[in-house]
Amino acid sequence: MDARVLTVFVAAYEEGNFSRAAERLNATQPGISVQISTLETELGVSLFERTARGVVPTAAGKRLYPRALQIIHDLRKTELDMKSLSGVITGKITVGIPPTLSMAILASVLSTYVDAYPDVEIRIFEAYSDTLISLIESAQIDFALVAPLPNHPAIVYEKVFTDRFILASNNDLGLSERIPVSLNEPPLFKYVVPSVLRRSLSALLEEPLREGRIVPARMIEIDGLAGALEFIASSDWVGLLPSATAYSRFGANKIRFSPISEDIYINYFVAHLRTKPLDAACSKFVELITSELSLVEHGSSRFRISAPGKPDA
């Protein structure tokens, strides 16, 4: 059984359409169709039911899918293990990172990485988690830092950082940097919150808003982090943002960061395709990310208001 044909099968299974699978693999639709038919003949079973809208996996296709993922993963991991024996780290890596963490850690991580591994070519994508997951699925990036998203069987998630929401305000408002700020008692605030386009963050605020644990005088959504911070720094609006924002020190002379009366957590994960285990160059980048995030997590401890239970992964 050819691993390349299994890769075609996985793409067709996940896309539910031979044309989209062809786009994903930079191949042709007839070529995809021929390879699937060849695999079906070799295995003696039908893997897909063809419909007007695409393809639907049969029982045999559903059974083959997790096994195909594991076979491709194992072959790729064996290849990477053999290459790592040389001790030389080279190649190309393509990394995705959300804006909040990009501002907080990217400069430090990159500075260390490019000096330590000069033979590695690096490409960085900055985008929100749902966009980054799409880029992983289409194999346009090797891995990404993402906030919680629905599990996808083709993607591996490894938790690397737990953050919490804090309040960002103009220094002139005089809010405490130590005493938790109430979010539902007078005086009520005008809030800047992450846009619904940043679903992983905005969704975390939905329940406390609905239950009245956060009561806004007014509220606006802003998609861009830099723009939100600029607005907060020059107005009497306050922002509900991850504490990593404080670590970036953006507008440090104008913005004050305060703990809040609600413990609202954000878990971040390193995500990559199950069929593309991280090679040595990617793994070294992840190690630096994890190390830098531990500093962010230590710095955010000043915003902790209690001894909470372990956040859900």
C-alpha atoms as a PDB file:
ATOM      1  CA  MET A   1       0.000   0.000   0.000  1.00  0.00           C
ATOM      2  CA  ASP A   2       1.507   3.313  -1.145  1.00  0.00           C
ATOM      3  CA  ALA A   3       1.664   6.023   1.539  1.00  0.00           C
ATOM      4  CA  ARG A   4       1.147   8.650  -1.160  1.00  0.00           C
ATOM      5  CA  VAL A   5      -2.163   7.080  -2.110  1.00  0.00           C
ATOM      6  CA  LEU A   6      -3.165   7.031   1.559  1.00  0.00           C
ATOM      7  CA  THR A   7      -2.389  10.766   1.677  1.00  0.00           C
ATOM      8  CA  VAL A   8      -4.771  11.257  -1.242  1.00  0.00           C
ATOM      9  CA  PHE A   9      -7.419   9.178   0.544  1.00  0.00           C
ATOM     10  CA  VAL A  10      -7.058  11.261   3.739  1.00  0.00           C
ATOM     11  CA  ALA A  11      -7.399  14.504   1.776  1.00  0.00           C
ATOM     12  CA  ALA A  12     -10.525  13.255  -0.018  1.00  0.00           C
ATOM     13  CA  TYR A  13     -12.004  11.978   3.255  1.00  0.00           C
ATOM     14  CA  GLU A  14     -11.452  15.290   5.060  1.00  0.00           C
ATOM     15  CA  GLU A  15     -12.510  17.521   2.189  1.00  0.00           C
ATOM     16  CA  GLY A  16     -15.516  15.404   1.157  1.00  0.00           C
ATOM     17  CA  ASN A  17     -14.812  16.375  -2.418  1.00  0.00           C
ATOM     18  CA  PHE A  18     -12.229  15.235  -4.993  1.00  0.00           C
ATOM     19  CA  SER A  19     -11.835  18.717  -6.462  1.00  0.00           C
ATOM     20  CA  ARG A  20     -11.064  20.289  -3.062  1.00  0.00           C
ATOM     21  CA  ALA A  21      -8.701  17.409  -2.287  1.00  0.00           C
ATOM     22  CA  ALA A  22      -6.925  18.124  -5.578  1.00  0.00           C
ATOM     23  CA  GLU A  23      -6.563  21.802  -4.664  1.00  0.00           C
ATOM     24  CA  ARG A  24      -5.209  20.870  -1.247  1.00  0.00           C
ATOM     25  CA  LEU A  25      -2.598  18.522  -2.735  1.00  0.00           C
ATOM     26  CA  ASN A  26      -1.824  20.692  -5.767  1.00  0.00           C
ATOM     27  CA  ALA A  27      -3.009  17.871  -8.000  1.00  0.00           C
ATOM     28  CA  THR A  28      -5.780  17.360 -10.568  1.00  0.00           C
ATOM     29  CA  GLN A  29      -9.292  16.104  -9.872  1.00  0.00           C
ATOM     30  CA  PRO A  30      -9.029  13.249 -12.423  1.00  0.00           C
ATOM     31  CA  GLY A  31      -5.725  12.215 -10.854  1.00  0.00           C
ATOM     32  CA  ILE A  32      -7.307  12.080  -7.397  1.00  0.00           C
ATOM     33  CA  SER A  33     -10.222  10.046  -8.727  1.00  0.00           C
ATOM     34  CA  VAL A  34      -7.896   7.547 -10.426  1.00  0.00           C
ATOM     35  CA  GLN A  35      -5.780   7.056  -7.287  1.00  0.00           C
ATOM     36  CA  ILE A  36      -8.858   6.489  -5.108  1.00  0.00           C
ATOM     37  CA  SER A  37     -10.234   3.980  -7.597  1.00  0.00           C
ATOM     38  CA  THR A  38      -6.859   2.201  -7.666  1.00  0.00           C
ATOM     39  CA  LEU A  39      -6.826   2.013  -3.856  1.00  0.00           C
ATOM     40  CA  GLU A  40     -10.393   0.670  -3.800  1.00  0.00           C
ATOM     41  CA  THR A  41      -9.439  -2.015  -6.331  1.00  0.00           C
ATOM     42  CA  GLU A  42      -6.339  -2.947  -4.315  1.00  0.00           C
ATOM     43  CA  LEU A  43      -8.326  -3.240  -1.066  1.00  0.00           C
ATOM     44  CA  GLY A  44     -11.372  -4.832  -2.684  1.00  0.00           C
ATOM     45  CA  VAL A  45     -13.823  -2.404  -1.056  1.00  0.00           C
ATOM     46  CA  SER A  46     -15.595   0.825  -1.908  1.00  0.00           C
ATOM     47  CA  LEU A  47     -14.234   3.686   0.198  1.00  0.00           C
ATOM     48  CA  PHE A  48     -16.587   6.465  -0.933  1.00  0.00           C
ATOM     49  CA  GLU A  49     -20.085   6.899  -2.221  1.00  0.00           C
ATOM     50  CA  ARG A  50     -20.075   9.431  -5.054  1.00  0.00           C
ATOM     51  CA  THR A  51     -22.814  12.093  -4.865  1.00  0.00           C
ATOM     52  CA  ALA A  52     -23.667  15.252  -6.780  1.00  0.00           C
ATOM     53  CA  ARG A  53     -22.041  17.335  -4.024  1.00  0.00           C
ATOM     54  CA  GLY A  54     -18.911  15.258  -3.539  1.00  0.00           C
ATOM     55  CA  VAL A  55     -18.079  12.018  -1.776  1.00  0.00           C
ATOM     56  CA  VAL A  56     -19.288  10.383   1.447  1.00  0.00           C
ATOM     57  CA  PRO A  57     -17.137   7.743   3.162  1.00  0.00           C
ATOM     58  CA  THR A  58     -18.498   4.221   3.351  1.00  0.00           C
ATOM     59  CA  ALA A  59     -18.134   2.033   6.441  1.00  0.00           C
ATOM     60  CA  ALA A  60     -14.860   0.772   4.984  1.00  0.00           C
ATOM     61  CA  GLY A  61     -13.689   4.330   4.386  1.00  0.00           C
ATOM     62  CA  LYS A  62     -14.490   5.323   7.953  1.00  0.00           C
ATOM     63  CA  ARG A  63     -12.560   2.321   9.223  1.00  0.00           C
ATOM     64  CA  LEU A  64      -9.542   3.035   7.035  1.00  0.00           C
ATOM     65  CA  TYR A  65      -9.288   6.755   7.915  1.00  0.00           C
ATOM     66  CA  PRO A  66      -7.751   6.534  11.442  1.00  0.00           C
ATOM     67  CA  ARG A  67      -5.462   3.732  10.297  1.00  0.00           C
ATOM     68  CA  ALA A  68      -4.304   5.776   7.308  1.00  0.00           C
ATOM     69  CA  LEU A  69      -3.545   8.719   9.616  1.00  0.00           C
ATOM     70  CA  GLN A  70      -1.454   6.473  11.850  1.00  0.00           C
ATOM     71  CA  ILE A  71       0.439   4.863   8.952  1.00  0.00           C
ATOM     72  CA  ILE A  72       1.330   8.231   7.421  1.00  0.00           C
ATOM     73  CA  HIS A  73       2.331   9.593  10.835  1.00  0.00           C
ATOM     74  CA  ASP A  74       4.559   6.605  11.597  1.00  0.00           C
ATOM     75  CA  LEU A  75       6.328   6.749   8.242  1.00  0.00           C
ATOM     76  CA  ARG A  76       6.935  10.478   8.542  1.00  0.00           C
ATOM     77  CA  LYS A  77       8.128  10.134  12.146  1.00  0.00           C
ATOM     78  CA  THR A  78      10.567   7.385  11.153  1.00  0.00           C
ATOM     79  CA  GLU A  79      11.934   9.576   8.367  1.00  0.00           C
ATOM     80  CA  LEU A  80      12.384  12.516  10.772  1.00  0.00           C
ATOM     81  CA  ASP A  81      14.041  10.321  13.402  1.00  0.00           C
ATOM     82  CA  MET A  82      16.587   9.076  10.885  1.00  0.00           C
ATOM     83  CA  LYS A  83      17.369  12.574   9.648  1.00  0.00           C
ATOM     84  CA  SER A  84      17.814  13.837  13.209  1.00  0.00           C
ATOM     85  CA  LEU A  85      20.724  11.440  13.716  1.00  0.00           C
ATOM     86  CA  SER A  86      22.953  13.822  11.763  1.00  0.00           C
ATOM     87  CA  GLY A  87      22.564  16.405  14.537  1.00  0.00           C
ATOM     88  CA  VAL A  88      22.309  19.203  11.947  1.00  0.00           C
ATOM     89  CA  ILE A  89      19.111  21.236  12.020  1.00  0.00           C
ATOM     90  CA  THR A  90      18.157  22.649   8.634  1.00  0.00           C
ATOM     91  CA  GLY A  91      15.080  23.081   6.471  1.00  0.00           C
ATOM     92  CA  LYS A  92      12.084  25.372   6.326  1.00  0.00           C
ATOM     93  CA  ILE A  93       9.416  25.985   8.937  1.00  0.00           C
ATOM     94  CA  THR A  94       6.127  27.804   8.602  1.00  0.00           C
ATOM     95  CA  VAL A  95       4.559  28.900  11.882  1.00  0.00           C
ATOM     96  CA  GLY A  96       1.173  30.419  12.759  1.00  0.00           C
ATOM     97  CA  ILE A  97       0.643  32.623  15.805  1.00  0.00           C
ATOM     98  CA  PRO A  98      -2.317  34.706  17.055  1.00  0.00           C
ATOM     99  CA  PRO A  99      -1.847  38.495  17.445  1.00  0.00           C
ATOM    100  CA  THR A 100      -1.885  38.537  21.268  1.00  0.00           C
ATOM    101  CA  LEU A 101       0.946  36.028  21.573  1.00  0.00           C
ATOM    102  CA  SER A 102       2.761  37.494  18.597  1.00  0.00           C
ATOM    103  CA  MET A 103       3.033  40.815  20.407  1.00  0.00           C
ATOM    104  CA  ALA A 104       4.051  39.123  23.641  1.00  0.00           C
ATOM    105  CA  ILE A 105       6.690  36.586  22.610  1.00  0.00           C
ATOM    106  CA  LEU A 106       7.470  36.522  18.884  1.00  0.00           C
ATOM    107  CA  ALA A 107      10.348  39.033  18.871  1.00  0.00           C
ATOM    108  CA  SER A 108      12.165  37.264  21.698  1.00  0.00           C
ATOM    109  CA  VAL A 109      11.628  33.768  20.279  1.00  0.00           C
ATOM    110  CA  LEU A 110      12.734  34.762  16.781  1.00  0.00           C
ATOM    111  CA  SER A 111      15.829  36.588  18.013  1.00  0.00           C
ATOM    112  CA  THR A 112      17.010  33.479  19.844  1.00  0.00           C
ATOM    113  CA  TYR A 113      16.017  31.043  17.103  1.00  0.00           C
ATOM    114  CA  VAL A 114      17.654  32.757  14.124  1.00  0.00           C
ATOM    115  CA  ASP A 115      20.946  32.996  16.018  1.00  0.00           C
ATOM    116  CA  ALA A 116      20.842  29.366  17.198  1.00  0.00           C
ATOM    117  CA  TYR A 117      19.704  27.821  13.873  1.00  0.00           C
ATOM    118  CA  PRO A 118      21.022  29.949  10.994  1.00  0.00           C
ATOM    119  CA  ASP A 119      20.385  27.224   8.387  1.00  0.00           C
ATOM    120  CA  VAL A 120      16.622  27.147   8.933  1.00  0.00           C
ATOM    121  CA  GLU A 121      14.349  29.272   6.765  1.00  0.00           C
ATOM    122  CA  ILE A 122      11.396  30.709   8.704  1.00  0.00           C
ATOM    123  CA  ARG A 123       8.000  31.991   7.636  1.00  0.00           C
ATOM    124  CA  ILE A 124       5.505  33.421  10.126  1.00  0.00           C
ATOM    125  CA  PHE A 125       1.734  33.797   9.683  1.00  0.00           C
ATOM    126  CA  GLU A 126      -0.116  36.022  12.149  1.00  0.00           C
ATOM    127  CA  ALA A 127      -3.848  35.294  12.249  1.00  0.00           C
ATOM    128  CA  TYR A 128      -6.683  34.241  14.549  1.00  0.00           C
ATOM    129  CA  SER A 129      -7.060  30.634  15.622  1.00  0.00           C
ATOM    130  CA  ASP A 130      -9.802  29.563  13.205  1.00  0.00           C
ATOM    131  CA  THR A 131      -7.786  30.906  10.266  1.00  0.00           C
ATOM    132  CA  LEU A 132      -4.653  29.178  11.512  1.00  0.00           C
ATOM    133  CA  ILE A 133      -6.485  25.857  11.809  1.00  0.00           C
ATOM    134  CA  SER A 134      -7.622  26.205   8.189  1.00  0.00           C
ATOM    135  CA  LEU A 135      -4.017  26.844   7.142  1.00  0.00           C
ATOM    136  CA  ILE A 136      -2.909  23.716   9.014  1.00  0.00           C
ATOM    137  CA  GLU A 137      -5.645  21.641   7.359  1.00  0.00           C
ATOM    138  CA  SER A 138      -4.540  22.816   3.929  1.00  0.00           C
ATOM    139  CA  ALA A 139      -0.874  22.134   4.829  1.00  0.00           C
ATOM    140  CA  GLN A 140       0.109  25.760   4.257  1.00  0.00           C
ATOM    141  CA  ILE A 141       1.725  25.958   7.695  1.00  0.00           C
ATOM    142  CA  ASP A 142       3.544  23.321   9.723  1.00  0.00           C
ATOM    143  CA  PHE A 143       2.055  24.185  13.105  1.00  0.00           C
ATOM    144  CA  ALA A 144       0.402  27.020  14.990  1.00  0.00           C
ATOM    145  CA  LEU A 145      -0.398  28.346  18.431  1.00  0.00           C
ATOM    146  CA  VAL A 146      -4.177  28.319  18.760  1.00  0.00           C
ATOM    147  CA  ALA A 147      -6.819  28.890  21.413  1.00  0.00           C
ATOM    148  CA  PRO A 148      -9.547  26.267  22.025  1.00  0.00           C
ATOM    149  CA  LEU A 149     -11.345  25.046  18.932  1.00  0.00           C
ATOM    150  CA  PRO A 150     -13.499  21.978  18.244  1.00  0.00           C
ATOM    151  CA  ASN A 151     -11.428  18.804  18.071  1.00  0.00           C
ATOM    152  CA  HIS A 152     -10.548  17.633  14.600  1.00  0.00           C
ATOM    153  CA  PRO A 153      -9.352  14.024  14.185  1.00  0.00           C
ATOM    154  CA  ALA A 154      -6.729  15.104  11.650  1.00  0.00           C
ATOM    155  CA  ILE A 155      -5.124  17.615  14.030  1.00  0.00           C
ATOM    156  CA  VAL A 156      -3.043  17.031  17.146  1.00  0.00           C
ATOM    157  CA  TYR A 157      -3.350  19.569  19.998  1.00  0.00           C
ATOM    158  CA  GLU A 158      -0.826  19.927  22.831  1.00  0.00           C
ATOM    159  CA  LYS A 159      -1.562  22.459  25.559  1.00  0.00           C
ATOM    160  CA  VAL A 160       1.341  24.805  26.209  1.00  0.00           C
ATOM    161  CA  PHE A 161      -0.088  27.818  28.052  1.00  0.00           C
ATOM    162  CA  THR A 162      -3.027  28.928  30.176  1.00  0.00           C
ATOM    163  CA  ASP A 163      -3.798  32.643  30.219  1.00  0.00           C
ATOM    164  CA  ARG A 164      -6.540  34.693  31.905  1.00  0.00           C
ATOM    165  CA  PHE A 165      -8.510  37.808  31.034  1.00  0.00           C
ATOM    166  CA  ILE A 166      -7.565  41.111  32.656  1.00  0.00           C
ATOM    167  CA  LEU A 167      -8.708  44.719  32.364  1.00  0.00           C
ATOM    168  CA  ALA A 168      -6.745  47.251  30.312  1.00  0.00           C
ATOM    169  CA  SER A 169      -7.474  50.919  30.992  1.00  0.00           C
ATOM    170  CA  ASN A 170      -6.127  54.398  30.464  1.00  0.00           C
ATOM    171  CA  ASN A 171      -3.845  55.408  33.345  1.00  0.00           C
ATOM    172  CA  ASP A 172      -6.068  58.440  33.995  1.00  0.00           C
ATOM    173  CA  LEU A 173      -8.924  56.183  35.177  1.00  0.00           C
ATOM    174  CA  GLY A 174      -6.806  55.288  38.204  1.00  0.00           C
ATOM    175  CA  LEU A 175      -7.791  51.608  38.438  1.00  0.00           C
ATOM    176  CA  SER A 176      -5.745  49.454  40.796  1.00  0.00           C
ATOM    177  CA  GLU A 177      -3.063  47.143  39.455  1.00  0.00           C
ATOM    178  CA  ARG A 178      -3.468  44.894  42.511  1.00  0.00           C
ATOM    179  CA  ILE A 179      -7.071  44.976  43.708  1.00  0.00           C
ATOM    180  CA  PRO A 180      -9.533  43.061  41.502  1.00  0.00           C
ATOM    181  CA  VAL A 181     -11.926  45.272  39.583  1.00  0.00           C
ATOM    182  CA  SER A 182     -15.630  44.379  39.754  1.00  0.00           C
ATOM    183  CA  LEU A 183     -17.250  43.925  36.356  1.00  0.00           C
ATOM    184  CA  ASN A 184     -20.898  44.113  37.404  1.00  0.00           C
ATOM    185  CA  GLU A 185     -21.069  46.822  40.056  1.00  0.00           C
ATOM    186  CA  PRO A 186     -21.172  50.621  39.667  1.00  0.00           C
ATOM    187  CA  PRO A 187     -19.448  52.438  38.226  1.00  0.00           C
ATOM    188  CA  LEU A 188     -20.121  50.356  35.118  1.00  0.00           C
ATOM    189  CA  PHE A 189     -17.530  50.437  32.379  1.00  0.00           C
ATOM    190  CA  LYS A 190     -17.606  50.863  28.642  1.00  0.00           C
ATOM    191  CA  TYR A 191     -15.913  47.730  27.333  1.00  0.00           C
ATOM    192  CA  VAL A 192     -13.781  46.959  24.329  1.00  0.00           C
ATOM    193  CA  VAL A 193     -13.908  43.194  23.698  1.00  0.00           C
ATOM    194  CA  PRO A 194     -12.429  40.895  21.035  1.00  0.00           C
ATOM    195  CA  SER A 195     -14.472  40.783  17.860  1.00  0.00           C
ATOM    196  CA  VAL A 196     -16.582  37.737  17.031  1.00  0.00           C
ATOM    197  CA  LEU A 197     -14.027  37.203  14.281  1.00  0.00           C
ATOM    198  CA  ARG A 198     -11.728  36.170  17.121  1.00  0.00           C
ATOM    199  CA  ARG A 199     -14.189  33.461  18.093  1.00  0.00           C
ATOM    200  CA  SER A 200     -11.968  31.600  20.532  1.00  0.00           C
ATOM    201  CA  LEU A 201     -11.643  34.708  22.727  1.00  0.00           C
ATOM    202  CA  SER A 202     -15.044  36.341  22.321  1.00  0.00           C
ATOM    203  CA  ALA A 203     -16.815  33.033  23.082  1.00  0.00           C
ATOM    204  CA  LEU A 204     -15.208  32.963  26.529  1.00  0.00           C
ATOM    205  CA  LEU A 205     -17.015  36.195  27.440  1.00  0.00           C
ATOM    206  CA  GLU A 206     -20.465  35.091  26.293  1.00  0.00           C
ATOM    207  CA  GLU A 207     -21.454  33.201  29.462  1.00  0.00           C
ATOM    208  CA  PRO A 208     -20.370  35.851  32.043  1.00  0.00           C
ATOM    209  CA  LEU A 209     -22.107  38.520  29.952  1.00  0.00           C
ATOM    210  CA  ARG A 210     -25.288  36.448  29.687  1.00  0.00           C
ATOM    211  CA  GLU A 211     -25.307  35.656  33.403  1.00  0.00           C
ATOM    212  CA  GLY A 212     -24.727  39.257  34.453  1.00  0.00           C
ATOM    213  CA  ARG A 213     -21.269  38.671  35.883  1.00  0.00           C
ATOM    214  CA  ILE A 214     -20.090  41.286  33.407  1.00  0.00           C
ATOM    215  CA  VAL A 215     -22.456  44.265  33.047  1.00  0.00           C
ATOM    216  CA  PRO A 216     -21.344  46.819  30.467  1.00  0.00           C
ATOM    217  CA  ALA A 217     -22.484  50.427  30.288  1.00  0.00           C
ATOM    218  CA  ARG A 218     -21.648  50.112  26.602  1.00  0.00           C
ATOM    219  CA  MET A 219     -19.676  47.619  24.579  1.00  0.00           C
ATOM    220  CA  ILE A 220     -17.902  47.578  21.253  1.00  0.00           C
ATOM    221  CA  GLU A 221     -16.020  44.827  19.437  1.00  0.00           C
ATOM    222  CA  ILE A 222     -12.679  45.565  17.811  1.00  0.00           C
ATOM    223  CA  ASP A 223     -10.993  43.001  15.588  1.00  0.00           C
ATOM    224  CA  GLY A 224      -7.415  44.303  15.700  1.00  0.00           C
ATOM    225  CA  LEU A 225      -5.442  44.131  18.965  1.00  0.00           C
ATOM    226  CA  ALA A 226      -3.166  47.085  18.228  1.00  0.00           C
ATOM    227  CA  GLY A 227      -6.139  49.260  17.289  1.00  0.00           C
ATOM    228  CA  ALA A 228      -8.006  48.249  20.455  1.00  0.00           C
ATOM    229  CA  LEU A 229      -5.040  49.174  22.643  1.00  0.00           C
ATOM    230  CA  GLU A 230      -4.601  52.514  20.900  1.00  0.00           C
ATOM    231  CA  PHE A 231      -8.273  53.291  21.497  1.00  0.00           C
ATOM    232  CA  ILE A 232      -8.097  52.282  25.162  1.00  0.00           C
ATOM    233  CA  ALA A 233      -4.960  54.385  25.682  1.00  0.00           C
ATOM    234  CA  SER A 234      -6.696  57.514  24.377  1.00  0.00           C
ATOM    235  CA  SER A 235     -10.211  57.123  25.839  1.00  0.00           C
ATOM    236  CA  ASP A 236     -12.228  56.234  28.934  1.00  0.00           C
ATOM    237  CA  TRP A 237     -13.097  52.796  27.515  1.00  0.00           C
ATOM    238  CA  VAL A 238     -11.571  49.688  29.099  1.00  0.00           C
ATOM    239  CA  GLY A 239     -10.587  46.408  27.457  1.00  0.00           C
ATOM    240  CA  LEU A 240     -11.175  42.803  28.477  1.00  0.00           C
ATOM    241  CA  LEU A 241      -8.070  41.162  27.072  1.00  0.00           C
ATOM    242  CA  PRO A 242      -5.692  38.237  27.741  1.00  0.00           C
ATOM    243  CA  SER A 243      -2.956  39.008  30.268  1.00  0.00           C
ATOM    244  CA  ALA A 244      -0.297  38.266  27.627  1.00  0.00           C
ATOM    245  CA  THR A 245      -1.229  41.681  26.285  1.00  0.00           C
ATOM    246  CA  ALA A 246       0.382  43.205  29.382  1.00  0.00           C
ATOM    247  CA  TYR A 247       3.554  41.214  28.796  1.00  0.00           C
ATOM    248  CA  SER A 248       3.955  42.867  25.395  1.00  0.00           C
ATOM    249  CA  ARG A 249       4.224  46.240  27.157  1.00  0.00           C
ATOM    250  CA  PHE A 250       2.358  47.909  24.314  1.00  0.00           C
ATOM    251  CA  GLY A 251       1.631  51.487  25.407  1.00  0.00           C
ATOM    252  CA  ALA A 252       3.111  50.790  28.859  1.00  0.00           C
ATOM    253  CA  ASN A 253       3.250  54.473  29.725  1.00  0.00           C
ATOM    254  CA  LYS A 254      -0.418  54.984  28.865  1.00  0.00           C
ATOM    255  CA  ILE A 255      -2.197  51.742  29.743  1.00  0.00           C
ATOM    256  CA  ARG A 256      -2.693  50.117  33.129  1.00  0.00           C
ATOM    257  CA  PHE A 257      -3.525  46.434  33.564  1.00  0.00           C
ATOM    258  CA  SER A 258      -5.714  45.258  36.448  1.00  0.00           C
ATOM    259  CA  PRO A 259      -6.969  41.897  37.746  1.00  0.00           C
ATOM    260  CA  ILE A 260     -10.714  41.339  37.437  1.00  0.00           C
ATOM    261  CA  SER A 261     -13.323  39.771  39.706  1.00  0.00           C
ATOM    262  CA  GLU A 262     -13.929  36.933  37.225  1.00  0.00           C
ATOM    263  CA  ASP A 263     -11.502  34.090  36.539  1.00  0.00           C
ATOM    264  CA  ILE A 264     -11.831  33.666  32.765  1.00  0.00           C
ATOM    265  CA  TYR A 265      -9.193  31.370  31.312  1.00  0.00           C
ATOM    266  CA  ILE A 266      -7.797  30.888  27.820  1.00  0.00           C
ATOM    267  CA  ASN A 267      -5.926  27.690  26.979  1.00  0.00           C
ATOM    268  CA  TYR A 268      -3.441  27.809  24.115  1.00  0.00           C
ATOM    269  CA  PHE A 269      -2.271  24.759  22.163  1.00  0.00           C
ATOM    270  CA  VAL A 270       0.376  23.866  19.631  1.00  0.00           C
ATOM    271  CA  ALA A 271      -1.557  22.323  16.739  1.00  0.00           C
ATOM    272  CA  HIS A 272      -0.345  20.382  13.709  1.00  0.00           C
ATOM    273  CA  LEU A 273      -1.564  17.729  11.309  1.00  0.00           C
ATOM    274  CA  ARG A 274      -1.511  14.223  12.733  1.00  0.00           C
ATOM    275  CA  THR A 275       0.113  13.074   9.485  1.00  0.00           C
ATOM    276  CA  LYS A 276       2.889  15.695   9.783  1.00  0.00           C
ATOM    277  CA  PRO A 277       4.745  15.228  13.079  1.00  0.00           C
ATOM    278  CA  LEU A 278       7.046  18.111  13.914  1.00  0.00           C
ATOM    279  CA  ASP A 279      10.586  17.805  12.601  1.00  0.00           C
ATOM    280  CA  ALA A 280      13.659  18.918  14.564  1.00  0.00           C
ATOM    281  CA  ALA A 281      13.521  22.502  13.282  1.00  0.00           C
ATOM    282  CA  CYS A 282       9.863  22.867  14.281  1.00  0.00           C
ATOM    283  CA  SER A 283      10.418  21.155  17.634  1.00  0.00           C
ATOM    284  CA  LYS A 284      13.201  23.568  18.558  1.00  0.00           C
ATOM    285  CA  PHE A 285      10.916  26.501  17.752  1.00  0.00           C
ATOM    286  CA  VAL A 286       8.184  24.993  19.947  1.00  0.00           C
ATOM    287  CA  GLU A 287      10.705  24.563  22.781  1.00  0.00           C
ATOM    288  CA  LEU A 288      11.538  28.269  22.643  1.00  0.00           C
ATOM    289  CA  ILE A 289       7.848  29.199  22.503  1.00  0.00           C
ATOM    290  CA  THR A 290       7.114  27.034  25.542  1.00  0.00           C
ATOM    291  CA  SER A 291      10.019  28.548  27.468  1.00  0.00           C
ATOM    292  CA  GLU A 292       8.940  32.094  26.664  1.00  0.00           C
ATOM    293  CA  LEU A 293       5.311  31.364  27.521  1.00  0.00           C
ATOM    294  CA  SER A 294       6.394  30.099  30.937  1.00  0.00           C
ATOM    295  CA  LEU A 295       7.750  33.595  31.577  1.00  0.00           C
ATOM    296  CA  VAL A 296       4.462  35.105  30.447  1.00  0.00           C
ATOM    297  CA  GLU A 297       2.547  32.729  32.715  1.00  0.00           C
ATOM    298  CA  HIS A 298       4.787  33.652  35.645  1.00  0.00           C
ATOM    299  CA  GLY A 299       4.278  37.342  34.913  1.00  0.00           C
ATOM    300  CA  SER A 300       0.513  36.936  34.712  1.00  0.00           C
ATOM    301  CA  SER A 301       0.419  35.449  38.218  1.00  0.00           C
ATOM    302  CA  ARG A 302       0.085  38.960  39.609  1.00  0.00           C
ATOM    303  CA  PHE A 303      -3.419  39.042  38.097  1.00  0.00           C
ATOM    304  CA  ARG A 304      -4.488  35.882  39.946  1.00  0.00           C
ATOM    305  CA  ILE A 305      -7.151  36.685  42.539  1.00  0.00           C
ATOM    306  CA  SER A 306      -7.600  33.270  44.129  1.00  0.00           C
ATOM    307  CA  ALA A 307      -6.292  29.731  44.111  1.00  0.00           C
ATOM    308  CA  PRO A 308      -8.468  28.358  41.304  1.00  0.00           C
ATOM    309  CA  GLY A 309      -8.856  24.748  40.357  1.00  0.00           C
ATOM    310  CA  LYS A 310      -6.951  23.422  37.418  1.00  0.00           C
ATOM    311  CA  PRO A 311      -8.430  24.886  34.213  1.00  0.00           C
ATOM    312  CA  ASP A 312      -9.936  22.462  31.784  1.00  0.00           C
ATOM    313  CA  ALA A 313      -7.751  21.543  28.891  1.00  0.00           C
END
